[in-house]
Amino acid sequence: MQGATLSGLLLGYQAQGKVLKDHPPFKFCISISGAMFRDPSICDIAYKDPIKAKSIHFIGAKDWLRRPSEDFANAFDNPLIIRHPYGHTVPRLDDAATEQLCGWTKTISECNNTENGDAKEKHNRTDSVITESKIQNKKTSTAVDIKTNERQVEAVEATYA
């Protein structure tokens, strides 16, 4: 949690021109149960505008930080949110969910390797995607539905079949 929270703070402060002015903008953030800082004076600066870096957020249904993690994810522009039925952990994903994560990393790689800006345009656009996947569990398979809201491009939410 602390690492993801600090990473989000740095991304937000950098976007506002408060820190790391000579460092190139960060391209992505991976958050596992991350949350925003609680101090409103920090939040007013760091999360004033949606953070533009690509982001992926793992959020467990049984995690005591579930709601703060959701708020944190919504501080990003078009976050990929993977919801799972567990607690403070990264779930074991099946092939379809793993492929989705690989697609996310490929987008980042394309943004880094292209000179003409086409991949950057693709990186910044909002898509509405609806697919299904499964999270593997030793006892059962759990269905996963992708949902969207105004600031989430893709959110994977685990539901019991």
N, C-alpha and C. Protein backbone atom coordinates (compact mmCIF):
# COMPACT_ATOMS: atom_id res chain seq x y z
N MET A 1 0.82 -1.19 0.00
CA MET A 1 0.00 0.00 0.00
C MET A 1 0.87 1.25 0.00
N GLN A 2 1.87 1.32 0.86
CA GLN A 2 2.66 2.54 0.98
C GLN A 2 3.37 2.88 -0.33
N GLY A 3 3.90 1.87 -1.00
CA GLY A 3 4.61 2.12 -2.26
C GLY A 3 3.68 2.66 -3.33
N ALA A 4 2.51 2.06 -3.46
CA ALA A 4 1.54 2.51 -4.46
C ALA A 4 1.05 3.91 -4.13
N THR A 5 0.84 4.18 -2.85
CA THR A 5 0.36 5.49 -2.42
C THR A 5 1.41 6.56 -2.71
N LEU A 6 2.65 6.28 -2.38
CA LEU A 6 3.72 7.24 -2.65
C LEU A 6 3.92 7.43 -4.16
N SER A 7 3.83 6.36 -4.92
CA SER A 7 3.96 6.46 -6.37
C SER A 7 2.89 7.37 -6.96
N GLY A 8 1.66 7.19 -6.52
CA GLY A 8 0.57 8.04 -7.00
C GLY A 8 0.77 9.49 -6.63
N LEU A 9 1.28 9.72 -5.42
CA LEU A 9 1.55 11.08 -4.98
C LEU A 9 2.62 11.72 -5.87
N LEU A 10 3.69 10.99 -6.15
CA LEU A 10 4.75 11.51 -7.02
C LEU A 10 4.24 11.81 -8.42
N LEU A 11 3.42 10.91 -8.96
CA LEU A 11 2.84 11.14 -10.29
C LEU A 11 1.99 12.40 -10.31
N GLY A 12 1.15 12.56 -9.29
CA GLY A 12 0.28 13.73 -9.21
C GLY A 12 1.05 15.02 -9.01
N TYR A 13 2.02 14.99 -8.11
CA TYR A 13 2.84 16.19 -7.87
C TYR A 13 3.67 16.54 -9.10
N GLN A 14 4.19 15.53 -9.80
CA GLN A 14 4.96 15.81 -11.01
C GLN A 14 4.07 16.46 -12.07
N ALA A 15 2.86 15.96 -12.23
CA ALA A 15 1.93 16.51 -13.22
C ALA A 15 1.59 17.97 -12.90
N GLN A 16 1.59 18.33 -11.62
CA GLN A 16 1.29 19.70 -11.21
C GLN A 16 2.54 20.58 -11.20
N GLY A 17 3.70 19.99 -11.56
CA GLY A 17 4.94 20.76 -11.61
C GLY A 17 5.55 21.04 -10.25
N LYS A 18 5.22 20.24 -9.25
CA LYS A 18 5.71 20.46 -7.88
C LYS A 18 7.00 19.71 -7.57
N VAL A 19 7.24 18.56 -8.21
CA VAL A 19 8.44 17.76 -7.96
C VAL A 19 8.94 17.16 -9.27
N LEU A 20 10.18 16.70 -9.25
CA LEU A 20 10.77 15.96 -10.37
C LEU A 20 10.61 16.70 -11.70
N LYS A 21 10.84 18.01 -11.67
CA LYS A 21 10.65 18.83 -12.86
C LYS A 21 11.60 18.46 -13.99
N ASP A 22 12.80 17.98 -13.65
CA ASP A 22 13.78 17.62 -14.66
C ASP A 22 13.68 16.15 -15.08
N HIS A 23 12.81 15.41 -14.45
CA HIS A 23 12.63 13.98 -14.76
C HIS A 23 11.53 13.85 -15.82
N PRO A 24 11.73 12.99 -16.82
CA PRO A 24 10.65 12.78 -17.80
C PRO A 24 9.38 12.29 -17.09
N PRO A 25 8.21 12.60 -17.64
CA PRO A 25 6.97 12.14 -17.00
C PRO A 25 6.94 10.62 -16.88
N PHE A 26 6.41 10.15 -15.76
CA PHE A 26 6.26 8.72 -15.56
C PHE A 26 5.23 8.20 -16.56
N LYS A 27 5.43 7.00 -17.05
CA LYS A 27 4.56 6.42 -18.08
C LYS A 27 3.46 5.55 -17.50
N PHE A 28 3.72 4.92 -16.33
CA PHE A 28 2.72 4.01 -15.79
C PHE A 28 2.87 3.86 -14.29
N CYS A 29 1.82 3.28 -13.69
CA CYS A 29 1.79 3.00 -12.26
C CYS A 29 1.08 1.66 -12.06
N ILE A 30 1.67 0.81 -11.23
CA ILE A 30 1.03 -0.46 -10.86
C ILE A 30 0.72 -0.36 -9.37
N SER A 31 -0.55 -0.48 -9.04
CA SER A 31 -1.00 -0.31 -7.66
C SER A 31 -1.66 -1.58 -7.14
N ILE A 32 -1.21 -2.03 -5.99
CA ILE A 32 -1.85 -3.14 -5.30
C ILE A 32 -2.34 -2.58 -3.97
N SER A 33 -3.64 -2.39 -3.87
CA SER A 33 -4.26 -1.82 -2.67
C SER A 33 -3.72 -0.45 -2.33
N GLY A 34 -3.44 0.35 -3.35
CA GLY A 34 -2.97 1.71 -3.12
C GLY A 34 -4.12 2.61 -2.69
N ALA A 35 -3.78 3.70 -2.03
CA ALA A 35 -4.78 4.66 -1.57
C ALA A 35 -4.19 6.07 -1.66
N MET A 36 -5.05 7.06 -1.65
CA MET A 36 -4.59 8.45 -1.63
C MET A 36 -4.11 8.80 -0.23
N PHE A 37 -3.25 9.82 -0.16
CA PHE A 37 -2.89 10.35 1.14
C PHE A 37 -4.14 10.92 1.79
N ARG A 38 -4.21 10.89 3.09
CA ARG A 38 -5.42 11.34 3.80
C ARG A 38 -5.46 12.85 4.01
N ASP A 39 -4.32 13.51 3.99
CA ASP A 39 -4.24 14.94 4.23
C ASP A 39 -4.86 15.70 3.05
N PRO A 40 -5.96 16.44 3.29
CA PRO A 40 -6.63 17.15 2.20
C PRO A 40 -5.73 18.14 1.47
N SER A 41 -4.79 18.77 2.18
CA SER A 41 -3.91 19.73 1.51
C SER A 41 -3.01 19.04 0.50
N ILE A 42 -2.65 17.79 0.74
CA ILE A 42 -1.86 17.02 -0.21
C ILE A 42 -2.74 16.60 -1.39
N CYS A 43 -3.93 16.11 -1.08
CA CYS A 43 -4.85 15.66 -2.13
C CYS A 43 -5.25 16.79 -3.06
N ASP A 44 -5.44 17.99 -2.51
CA ASP A 44 -5.84 19.14 -3.33
C ASP A 44 -4.82 19.46 -4.41
N ILE A 45 -3.56 19.13 -4.16
CA ILE A 45 -2.51 19.38 -5.15
C ILE A 45 -2.31 18.16 -6.04
N ALA A 46 -2.02 17.03 -5.42
CA ALA A 46 -1.62 15.83 -6.17
C ALA A 46 -2.73 15.29 -7.06
N TYR A 47 -3.96 15.37 -6.61
CA TYR A 47 -5.07 14.76 -7.35
C TYR A 47 -6.02 15.82 -7.90
N LYS A 48 -5.51 17.03 -8.08
CA LYS A 48 -6.33 18.13 -8.60
C LYS A 48 -6.93 17.78 -9.96
N ASP A 49 -6.10 17.20 -10.81
CA ASP A 49 -6.52 16.77 -12.14
C ASP A 49 -6.27 15.27 -12.25
N PRO A 50 -7.00 14.59 -13.14
CA PRO A 50 -6.72 13.16 -13.32
C PRO A 50 -5.26 12.93 -13.73
N ILE A 51 -4.65 11.93 -13.14
CA ILE A 51 -3.26 11.58 -13.46
C ILE A 51 -3.27 10.87 -14.81
N LYS A 52 -2.47 11.34 -15.73
CA LYS A 52 -2.50 10.85 -17.12
C LYS A 52 -1.71 9.57 -17.36
N ALA A 53 -0.84 9.17 -16.46
CA ALA A 53 -0.05 7.95 -16.66
C ALA A 53 -0.97 6.74 -16.72
N LYS A 54 -0.61 5.77 -17.56
CA LYS A 54 -1.37 4.50 -17.59
C LYS A 54 -1.28 3.89 -16.20
N SER A 55 -2.35 3.25 -15.78
CA SER A 55 -2.31 2.63 -14.45
C SER A 55 -3.12 1.35 -14.42
N ILE A 56 -2.67 0.46 -13.56
CA ILE A 56 -3.39 -0.78 -13.28
C ILE A 56 -3.50 -0.90 -11.77
N HIS A 57 -4.69 -1.27 -11.31
CA HIS A 57 -4.97 -1.31 -9.88
C HIS A 57 -5.59 -2.66 -9.52
N PHE A 58 -4.95 -3.39 -8.61
CA PHE A 58 -5.49 -4.65 -8.10
C PHE A 58 -6.24 -4.32 -6.81
N ILE A 59 -7.54 -4.66 -6.78
CA ILE A 59 -8.38 -4.33 -5.62
C ILE A 59 -9.14 -5.58 -5.19
N GLY A 60 -8.94 -5.99 -3.95
CA GLY A 60 -9.60 -7.17 -3.41
C GLY A 60 -10.90 -6.84 -2.71
N ALA A 61 -11.92 -7.66 -2.94
CA ALA A 61 -13.24 -7.44 -2.32
C ALA A 61 -13.17 -7.53 -0.80
N LYS A 62 -12.23 -8.33 -0.28
CA LYS A 62 -12.11 -8.51 1.17
C LYS A 62 -11.00 -7.64 1.77
N ASP A 63 -10.40 -6.79 0.96
CA ASP A 63 -9.33 -5.92 1.44
C ASP A 63 -9.94 -4.77 2.23
N TRP A 64 -9.40 -4.48 3.40
CA TRP A 64 -9.92 -3.39 4.21
C TRP A 64 -9.67 -2.04 3.53
N LEU A 65 -8.81 -2.00 2.52
CA LEU A 65 -8.55 -0.77 1.77
C LEU A 65 -9.30 -0.72 0.44
N ARG A 66 -10.33 -1.53 0.30
CA ARG A 66 -11.04 -1.60 -0.97
C ARG A 66 -11.56 -0.23 -1.41
N ARG A 67 -12.30 0.44 -0.56
CA ARG A 67 -12.87 1.74 -0.96
C ARG A 67 -11.79 2.81 -1.19
N PRO A 68 -10.80 2.93 -0.29
CA PRO A 68 -9.71 3.88 -0.59
C PRO A 68 -8.96 3.53 -1.88
N SER A 69 -8.84 2.24 -2.17
CA SER A 69 -8.18 1.82 -3.42
C SER A 69 -8.99 2.22 -4.64
N GLU A 70 -10.31 2.12 -4.54
CA GLU A 70 -11.19 2.54 -5.64
C GLU A 70 -11.08 4.05 -5.87
N ASP A 71 -11.07 4.82 -4.77
CA ASP A 71 -10.91 6.27 -4.89
C ASP A 71 -9.58 6.61 -5.54
N PHE A 72 -8.53 5.90 -5.12
CA PHE A 72 -7.20 6.13 -5.67
C PHE A 72 -7.18 5.82 -7.17
N ALA A 73 -7.77 4.71 -7.56
CA ALA A 73 -7.81 4.34 -8.98
C ALA A 73 -8.53 5.41 -9.80
N ASN A 74 -9.57 5.99 -9.24
CA ASN A 74 -10.34 7.01 -9.96
C ASN A 74 -9.62 8.35 -10.03
N ALA A 75 -8.46 8.47 -9.37
CA ALA A 75 -7.63 9.67 -9.51
C ALA A 75 -6.85 9.62 -10.82
N PHE A 76 -6.86 8.47 -11.50
CA PHE A 76 -6.14 8.29 -12.76
C PHE A 76 -7.10 8.40 -13.94
N ASP A 77 -6.56 8.83 -15.06
CA ASP A 77 -7.33 8.90 -16.29
C ASP A 77 -7.32 7.51 -16.93
N ASN A 78 -8.47 6.91 -17.04
CA ASN A 78 -8.64 5.60 -17.67
C ASN A 78 -7.84 4.47 -17.02
N PRO A 79 -8.05 4.23 -15.74
CA PRO A 79 -7.31 3.14 -15.08
C PRO A 79 -7.84 1.77 -15.47
N LEU A 80 -6.95 0.79 -15.49
CA LEU A 80 -7.36 -0.61 -15.61
C LEU A 80 -7.45 -1.13 -14.19
N ILE A 81 -8.64 -1.52 -13.76
CA ILE A 81 -8.87 -1.98 -12.40
C ILE A 81 -9.20 -3.46 -12.44
N ILE A 82 -8.43 -4.24 -11.72
CA ILE A 82 -8.69 -5.68 -11.63
C ILE A 82 -9.21 -5.95 -10.22
N ARG A 83 -10.48 -6.28 -10.16
CA ARG A 83 -11.13 -6.60 -8.88
C ARG A 83 -11.13 -8.11 -8.71
N HIS A 84 -10.82 -8.54 -7.51
CA HIS A 84 -10.80 -9.98 -7.23
C HIS A 84 -11.49 -10.23 -5.90
N PRO A 85 -11.94 -11.45 -5.64
CA PRO A 85 -12.73 -11.74 -4.43
C PRO A 85 -11.88 -11.94 -3.18
N TYR A 86 -10.59 -11.69 -3.25
CA TYR A 86 -9.70 -11.97 -2.13
C TYR A 86 -9.42 -10.70 -1.33
N GLY A 87 -8.42 -10.77 -0.49
CA GLY A 87 -8.03 -9.63 0.34
C GLY A 87 -6.87 -8.86 -0.27
N HIS A 88 -5.90 -8.55 0.55
CA HIS A 88 -4.75 -7.72 0.19
C HIS A 88 -3.72 -8.58 -0.53
N THR A 89 -4.00 -8.93 -1.79
CA THR A 89 -3.15 -9.85 -2.54
C THR A 89 -3.33 -9.65 -4.04
N VAL A 90 -2.41 -10.19 -4.81
CA VAL A 90 -2.55 -10.22 -6.27
C VAL A 90 -3.10 -11.60 -6.62
N PRO A 91 -4.24 -11.67 -7.30
CA PRO A 91 -4.83 -12.98 -7.61
C PRO A 91 -4.06 -13.69 -8.72
N ARG A 92 -4.19 -14.99 -8.75
CA ARG A 92 -3.65 -15.78 -9.86
C ARG A 92 -4.65 -15.68 -11.00
N LEU A 93 -4.21 -15.20 -12.14
CA LEU A 93 -5.10 -14.96 -13.26
C LEU A 93 -5.02 -16.09 -14.28
N ASP A 94 -6.12 -16.32 -14.97
CA ASP A 94 -6.12 -17.31 -16.05
C ASP A 94 -5.52 -16.69 -17.31
N ASP A 95 -5.51 -17.46 -18.39
CA ASP A 95 -4.89 -17.01 -19.63
C ASP A 95 -5.53 -15.75 -20.20
N ALA A 96 -6.86 -15.66 -20.14
CA ALA A 96 -7.55 -14.49 -20.71
C ALA A 96 -7.19 -13.22 -19.94
N ALA A 97 -7.19 -13.28 -18.62
CA ALA A 97 -6.85 -12.11 -17.82
C ALA A 97 -5.37 -11.76 -17.99
N THR A 98 -4.53 -12.77 -18.07
CA THR A 98 -3.10 -12.54 -18.30
C THR A 98 -2.88 -11.87 -19.65
N GLU A 99 -3.64 -12.28 -20.65
CA GLU A 99 -3.54 -11.67 -21.98
C GLU A 99 -3.93 -10.20 -21.92
N GLN A 100 -4.95 -9.89 -21.12
CA GLN A 100 -5.36 -8.50 -20.96
C GLN A 100 -4.23 -7.67 -20.34
N LEU A 101 -3.57 -8.22 -19.34
CA LEU A 101 -2.45 -7.52 -18.71
C LEU A 101 -1.30 -7.36 -19.70
N CYS A 102 -1.07 -8.38 -20.51
CA CYS A 102 -0.01 -8.29 -21.53
C CYS A 102 -0.34 -7.19 -22.54
N GLY A 103 -1.60 -7.06 -22.89
CA GLY A 103 -2.02 -5.99 -23.79
C GLY A 103 -1.76 -4.62 -23.19
N TRP A 104 -1.99 -4.51 -21.88
CA TRP A 104 -1.74 -3.26 -21.17
C TRP A 104 -0.25 -2.91 -21.23
N THR A 105 0.61 -3.89 -20.97
CA THR A 105 2.05 -3.63 -21.01
C THR A 105 2.53 -3.37 -22.44
N LYS A 106 1.90 -4.01 -23.42
CA LYS A 106 2.28 -3.79 -24.82
C LYS A 106 1.98 -2.35 -25.22
N THR A 107 0.87 -1.82 -24.75
CA THR A 107 0.52 -0.43 -25.04
C THR A 107 1.59 0.51 -24.51
N ILE A 108 2.07 0.24 -23.31
CA ILE A 108 3.13 1.07 -22.72
C ILE A 108 4.40 0.96 -23.57
N SER A 109 4.73 -0.25 -23.96
CA SER A 109 5.92 -0.47 -24.78
C SER A 109 5.81 0.25 -26.12
N GLU A 110 4.64 0.20 -26.73
CA GLU A 110 4.43 0.89 -28.01
C GLU A 110 4.61 2.40 -27.84
N CYS A 111 4.12 2.93 -26.73
CA CYS A 111 4.27 4.37 -26.47
C CYS A 111 5.74 4.75 -26.33
N ASN A 112 6.53 3.87 -25.75
CA ASN A 112 7.95 4.14 -25.56
C ASN A 112 8.75 3.99 -26.84
N ASN A 113 8.32 3.12 -27.75
CA ASN A 113 9.12 2.78 -28.92
C ASN A 113 8.73 3.50 -30.21
N THR A 114 7.69 4.29 -30.18
CA THR A 114 7.26 4.92 -31.42
C THR A 114 7.67 6.39 -31.45
N GLU A 115 8.05 6.86 -32.59
CA GLU A 115 8.47 8.25 -32.76
C GLU A 115 7.35 9.11 -33.34
N ASN A 116 6.41 8.51 -34.06
CA ASN A 116 5.42 9.29 -34.79
C ASN A 116 4.20 9.66 -33.97
N GLY A 117 4.07 9.17 -32.75
CA GLY A 117 2.97 9.56 -31.88
C GLY A 117 1.71 8.76 -32.05
N ASP A 118 1.63 7.83 -33.02
CA ASP A 118 0.40 7.05 -33.21
C ASP A 118 0.08 6.23 -31.98
N ALA A 119 1.08 5.58 -31.39
CA ALA A 119 0.82 4.77 -30.19
C ALA A 119 0.46 5.66 -29.02
N LYS A 120 1.04 6.86 -28.95
CA LYS A 120 0.70 7.77 -27.86
C LYS A 120 -0.77 8.18 -27.96
N GLU A 121 -1.23 8.41 -29.18
CA GLU A 121 -2.65 8.73 -29.37
C GLU A 121 -3.51 7.57 -28.92
N LYS A 122 -3.12 6.36 -29.29
CA LYS A 122 -3.86 5.16 -28.88
C LYS A 122 -3.83 5.02 -27.36
N HIS A 123 -2.69 5.33 -26.75
CA HIS A 123 -2.51 5.25 -25.30
C HIS A 123 -3.45 6.19 -24.57
N ASN A 124 -3.72 7.35 -25.14
CA ASN A 124 -4.50 8.37 -24.44
C ASN A 124 -6.00 8.31 -24.72
N ARG A 125 -6.43 7.54 -25.71
CA ARG A 125 -7.85 7.55 -26.03
C ARG A 125 -8.64 6.67 -25.06
N THR A 126 -9.92 6.95 -24.97
CA THR A 126 -10.79 6.19 -24.10
C THR A 126 -11.55 5.16 -24.92
N ASP A 127 -11.47 3.92 -24.53
CA ASP A 127 -12.21 2.84 -25.17
C ASP A 127 -13.15 2.22 -24.15
N SER A 128 -14.30 1.79 -24.60
CA SER A 128 -15.18 1.02 -23.75
C SER A 128 -15.07 -0.43 -24.19
N VAL A 129 -14.60 -1.25 -23.31
CA VAL A 129 -14.35 -2.65 -23.63
C VAL A 129 -15.17 -3.52 -22.70
N ILE A 130 -15.84 -4.49 -23.25
CA ILE A 130 -16.57 -5.45 -22.43
C ILE A 130 -16.12 -6.83 -22.85
N THR A 131 -15.52 -7.55 -21.92
CA THR A 131 -15.07 -8.92 -22.16
C THR A 131 -15.31 -9.73 -20.89
N GLU A 132 -15.01 -10.99 -20.96
CA GLU A 132 -15.09 -11.84 -19.79
C GLU A 132 -13.80 -12.59 -19.62
N SER A 133 -13.48 -12.89 -18.37
CA SER A 133 -12.29 -13.65 -18.06
C SER A 133 -12.59 -14.46 -16.81
N LYS A 134 -11.60 -15.18 -16.31
CA LYS A 134 -11.76 -15.94 -15.08
C LYS A 134 -10.51 -15.81 -14.23
N ILE A 135 -10.72 -15.80 -12.92
CA ILE A 135 -9.62 -15.87 -11.97
C ILE A 135 -9.59 -17.30 -11.47
N GLN A 136 -8.42 -17.91 -11.52
CA GLN A 136 -8.29 -19.30 -11.08
C GLN A 136 -8.22 -19.34 -9.55
N ASN A 137 -8.96 -20.25 -8.99
CA ASN A 137 -8.98 -20.47 -7.55
C ASN A 137 -8.75 -21.97 -7.37
N LYS A 138 -8.06 -22.36 -6.34
CA LYS A 138 -7.79 -23.78 -6.14
C LYS A 138 -9.07 -24.61 -6.07
N LYS A 139 -10.13 -24.03 -5.52
CA LYS A 139 -11.38 -24.77 -5.35
C LYS A 139 -12.35 -24.55 -6.50
N THR A 140 -12.45 -23.32 -6.98
CA THR A 140 -13.42 -22.99 -8.02
C THR A 140 -12.84 -21.96 -8.98
N SER A 141 -13.49 -21.79 -10.10
CA SER A 141 -13.18 -20.69 -10.99
C SER A 141 -14.19 -19.59 -10.72
N THR A 142 -13.75 -18.36 -10.72
CA THR A 142 -14.61 -17.23 -10.45
C THR A 142 -14.73 -16.40 -11.72
N ALA A 143 -15.95 -16.11 -12.15
CA ALA A 143 -16.15 -15.31 -13.35
C ALA A 143 -15.74 -13.88 -13.08
N VAL A 144 -15.26 -13.21 -14.10
CA VAL A 144 -14.84 -11.83 -13.99
C VAL A 144 -15.53 -11.04 -15.10
N ASP A 145 -16.19 -9.97 -14.75
CA ASP A 145 -16.85 -9.10 -15.73
C ASP A 145 -16.11 -7.78 -15.79
N ILE A 146 -15.93 -7.25 -16.98
CA ILE A 146 -15.32 -5.95 -17.13
C ILE A 146 -16.43 -4.91 -17.19
N LYS A 147 -16.30 -3.89 -16.36
CA LYS A 147 -17.29 -2.82 -16.29
C LYS A 147 -16.59 -1.50 -16.57
N THR A 148 -17.37 -0.48 -16.90
CA THR A 148 -16.79 0.84 -17.11
C THR A 148 -17.59 1.87 -16.34
N ASN A 149 -16.93 2.99 -16.00
CA ASN A 149 -17.63 4.17 -15.51
C ASN A 149 -16.97 5.37 -16.15
N GLU A 150 -17.33 6.57 -15.73
CA GLU A 150 -16.87 7.76 -16.42
C GLU A 150 -15.35 7.93 -16.45
N ARG A 151 -14.61 7.38 -15.47
CA ARG A 151 -13.17 7.56 -15.43
C ARG A 151 -12.43 6.24 -15.47
N GLN A 152 -13.11 5.14 -15.71
CA GLN A 152 -12.47 3.84 -15.80
C GLN A 152 -12.69 3.30 -17.20
N VAL A 153 -11.62 3.05 -17.94
CA VAL A 153 -11.78 2.46 -19.26
C VAL A 153 -12.14 1.00 -19.10
N GLU A 154 -11.35 0.28 -18.32
CA GLU A 154 -11.59 -1.14 -18.13
C GLU A 154 -11.48 -1.45 -16.64
N ALA A 155 -12.46 -2.11 -16.12
CA ALA A 155 -12.38 -2.54 -14.73
C ALA A 155 -12.83 -3.99 -14.68
N VAL A 156 -11.99 -4.83 -14.16
CA VAL A 156 -12.32 -6.25 -14.07
C VAL A 156 -12.88 -6.48 -12.69
N GLU A 157 -14.11 -6.95 -12.61
CA GLU A 157 -14.72 -7.18 -11.32
C GLU A 157 -15.06 -8.65 -11.18
N ALA A 158 -14.57 -9.24 -10.12
CA ALA A 158 -14.84 -10.65 -9.87
C ALA A 158 -16.25 -10.81 -9.31
N THR A 159 -16.97 -11.79 -9.82
CA THR A 159 -18.28 -12.12 -9.30
C THR A 159 -18.36 -13.63 -9.19
N TYR A 160 -19.11 -14.11 -8.23
CA TYR A 160 -19.23 -15.55 -8.06
C TYR A 160 -20.24 -16.10 -9.05
N ALA A 161 -19.83 -17.11 -9.78
CA ALA A 161 -20.70 -17.71 -10.80
C ALA A 161 -21.78 -18.56 -10.17
